[in-house]
Amino acid sequence: MTSPRPAKSGPQLTILVVDDNANGLAARKCVLEELGHKIATACCGADAFALFQEHKFDLVVTDYKMPRMNGLELIAKIRAVRPELPIILISGFADTLGLDEESTGADAVIQKSANEVSHLMRAVNRLLRKKTSPRKPTTPQRIEARAKRKTV
């Protein structure tokens, strides 16, 4: 974990950011540190889940497409342990695959785009302000089946 700058407003919270793309990981880390949060990073789902088991996080931001364990598999594993933890899924395939909150188990799904940073900041602020209710775990098979139905 890194030592972020002091919080600009509100309490400093700890966020786990997961992405196999080093540039995307660094960019999201910088944005969230600017909001005053303490950020831990992982470059794959397996490393992220290991960190999740060792530390207490207030929120998780994960990419969808990663090797070995994708974002949906990571979400399912996290939900099995801490169903109330806010999770944001970011994907360049959100629209194409029909990924949304209901189908993924995430509390927010963000499409990678030019507006990603503003969407991420709003989602983080909204999720950390509200008290989330536990979400039902979602299996990767259920997501894939739903995506296939949308493309047929």
Protein backbone atom coordinates (compact mmCIF):
# COMPACT_ATOMS: atom_id res chain seq x y z
CA MET A 1 0.00 0.00 0.00
CA THR A 2 1.15 3.53 -0.60
CA SER A 3 1.04 6.67 1.52
CA PRO A 4 -1.44 9.01 -0.15
CA ARG A 5 -1.72 12.76 0.31
CA PRO A 6 -3.95 14.02 3.13
CA ALA A 7 -7.67 13.86 2.45
CA LYS A 8 -9.15 17.02 0.97
CA SER A 9 -12.46 16.44 2.71
CA GLY A 10 -14.06 13.63 4.65
CA PRO A 11 -12.37 10.58 6.12
CA GLN A 12 -9.50 8.82 4.40
CA LEU A 13 -10.70 5.45 3.15
CA THR A 14 -8.78 2.46 1.85
CA ILE A 15 -9.53 1.35 -1.72
CA LEU A 16 -8.24 -1.70 -3.59
CA VAL A 17 -7.74 -1.03 -7.32
CA VAL A 18 -7.24 -3.99 -9.67
CA ASP A 19 -6.16 -3.90 -13.32
CA ASP A 20 -3.69 -5.90 -15.42
CA ASN A 21 -2.96 -2.78 -17.49
CA ALA A 22 -0.22 -0.83 -15.69
CA ASN A 23 -1.26 2.51 -17.24
CA GLY A 24 -4.91 2.12 -16.26
CA LEU A 25 -3.91 1.03 -12.76
CA ALA A 26 -1.60 4.03 -12.29
CA ALA A 27 -4.18 6.48 -13.64
CA ARG A 28 -6.98 5.24 -11.37
CA LYS A 29 -4.63 5.20 -8.39
CA CYS A 30 -3.68 8.85 -9.01
CA VAL A 31 -7.30 9.96 -9.38
CA LEU A 32 -8.36 8.25 -6.15
CA GLU A 33 -5.34 9.53 -4.23
CA GLU A 34 -6.29 13.04 -5.36
CA LEU A 35 -9.65 12.46 -3.64
CA GLY A 36 -7.66 11.76 -0.47
CA HIS A 37 -7.97 7.98 -0.27
CA LYS A 38 -5.34 5.40 0.60
CA ILE A 39 -4.86 3.08 -2.39
CA ALA A 40 -3.62 -0.50 -2.65
CA THR A 41 -3.13 -1.96 -6.11
CA ALA A 42 -3.03 -5.42 -7.66
CA CYS A 43 -2.33 -6.41 -11.26
CA CYS A 44 -4.55 -9.50 -11.31
CA GLY A 45 -7.59 -10.94 -9.58
CA ALA A 46 -5.63 -13.59 -7.68
CA ASP A 47 -3.24 -11.02 -6.17
CA ALA A 48 -6.20 -8.76 -5.40
CA PHE A 49 -8.04 -11.50 -3.54
CA ALA A 50 -4.90 -12.29 -1.52
CA LEU A 51 -4.65 -8.58 -0.53
CA PHE A 52 -8.37 -8.52 0.24
CA GLN A 53 -7.90 -11.41 2.67
CA GLU A 54 -4.99 -9.66 4.42
CA HIS A 55 -6.40 -6.11 4.72
CA LYS A 56 -9.69 -4.35 5.34
CA PHE A 57 -10.84 -2.27 2.38
CA ASP A 58 -13.69 0.23 2.19
CA LEU A 59 -14.19 -0.22 -1.56
CA VAL A 60 -12.86 -2.26 -4.50
CA VAL A 61 -12.43 -1.02 -8.08
CA THR A 62 -11.72 -3.79 -10.56
CA ASP A 63 -11.22 -4.19 -14.27
CA TYR A 64 -13.29 -6.85 -16.02
CA LYS A 65 -10.89 -8.55 -18.44
CA MET A 66 -7.80 -9.90 -16.68
CA PRO A 67 -5.83 -13.15 -16.98
CA ARG A 68 -6.33 -16.10 -14.60
CA MET A 69 -9.24 -14.50 -12.67
CA ASN A 70 -11.46 -11.91 -14.34
CA GLY A 71 -13.31 -9.14 -12.54
CA LEU A 72 -16.55 -11.11 -12.28
CA GLU A 73 -14.79 -14.03 -10.63
CA LEU A 74 -13.09 -11.62 -8.22
CA ILE A 75 -16.42 -9.98 -7.38
CA ALA A 76 -18.00 -13.38 -6.68
CA LYS A 77 -15.15 -14.35 -4.33
CA ILE A 78 -15.31 -11.03 -2.48
CA ARG A 79 -19.12 -11.17 -2.18
CA ALA A 80 -18.86 -14.64 -0.62
CA VAL A 81 -16.76 -13.13 2.21
CA ARG A 82 -18.03 -9.52 2.47
CA PRO A 83 -21.32 -9.10 0.60
CA GLU A 84 -21.73 -5.50 1.84
CA LEU A 85 -18.41 -4.21 0.43
CA PRO A 86 -18.96 -1.63 -2.35
CA ILE A 87 -17.44 -2.76 -5.66
CA ILE A 88 -17.01 -0.89 -8.93
CA LEU A 89 -16.43 -2.82 -12.16
CA ILE A 90 -14.72 -1.00 -15.04
CA SER A 91 -14.72 -2.49 -18.52
CA GLY A 92 -14.18 -1.57 -22.11
CA PHE A 93 -16.75 -4.29 -22.84
CA ALA A 94 -19.55 -3.16 -20.50
CA ASP A 95 -21.88 -2.05 -23.29
CA THR A 96 -20.94 -4.85 -25.70
CA LEU A 97 -21.44 -7.63 -23.14
CA GLY A 98 -24.41 -5.98 -21.45
CA LEU A 99 -22.59 -5.77 -18.12
CA ASP A 100 -24.60 -3.96 -15.48
CA GLU A 101 -25.03 -3.95 -11.72
CA GLU A 102 -27.61 -6.72 -11.71
CA SER A 103 -25.68 -9.11 -13.94
CA THR A 104 -22.23 -8.59 -12.41
CA GLY A 105 -22.82 -8.26 -8.69
CA ALA A 106 -21.01 -4.90 -8.74
CA ASP A 107 -22.55 -1.79 -7.16
CA ALA A 108 -21.53 0.29 -10.18
CA VAL A 109 -20.39 -0.61 -13.70
CA ILE A 110 -18.38 1.95 -15.65
CA GLN A 111 -17.66 1.79 -19.38
CA LYS A 112 -14.06 2.73 -20.24
CA SER A 113 -14.31 6.00 -22.15
CA ALA A 114 -13.18 9.61 -22.18
CA ASN A 115 -15.61 10.20 -19.29
CA GLU A 116 -14.34 7.31 -17.17
CA VAL A 117 -12.55 9.51 -14.60
CA SER A 118 -15.60 11.62 -13.81
CA HIS A 119 -17.82 8.52 -13.66
CA LEU A 120 -15.33 6.82 -11.34
CA MET A 121 -15.13 9.82 -9.01
CA ARG A 122 -18.92 10.11 -8.80
CA ALA A 123 -19.37 6.37 -8.23
CA VAL A 124 -16.72 6.28 -5.49
CA ASN A 125 -18.24 9.26 -3.70
CA ARG A 126 -21.78 7.87 -4.00
CA LEU A 127 -20.89 4.37 -2.83
CA LEU A 128 -18.79 5.52 0.09
CA ARG A 129 -21.58 7.86 1.26
CA LYS A 130 -24.40 5.35 1.14
CA LYS A 131 -24.75 2.26 3.23
CA THR A 132 -24.91 -0.63 0.79
CA SER A 133 -27.10 -3.63 1.31
CA PRO A 134 -25.61 -7.08 0.74
CA ARG A 135 -25.71 -8.20 -2.88
CA LYS A 136 -26.30 -11.71 -4.04
CA PRO A 137 -23.14 -13.38 -5.39
CA THR A 138 -23.07 -13.65 -9.17
CA THR A 139 -21.40 -16.52 -10.96
CA PRO A 140 -19.33 -15.99 -14.12
CA GLN A 141 -21.51 -18.58 -15.90
CA ARG A 142 -24.63 -16.50 -15.23
CA ILE A 143 -22.91 -13.40 -16.70
CA GLU A 144 -21.73 -15.25 -19.81
CA ALA A 145 -25.19 -16.72 -20.40
CA ARG A 146 -26.78 -13.28 -20.14
CA ALA A 147 -24.20 -11.78 -22.51
CA LYS A 148 -24.89 -14.53 -25.06
CA ARG A 149 -28.63 -13.88 -24.89
CA LYS A 150 -28.03 -10.20 -25.68
CA THR A 151 -25.87 -10.98 -28.72
CA VAL A 152 -28.19 -13.62 -30.23
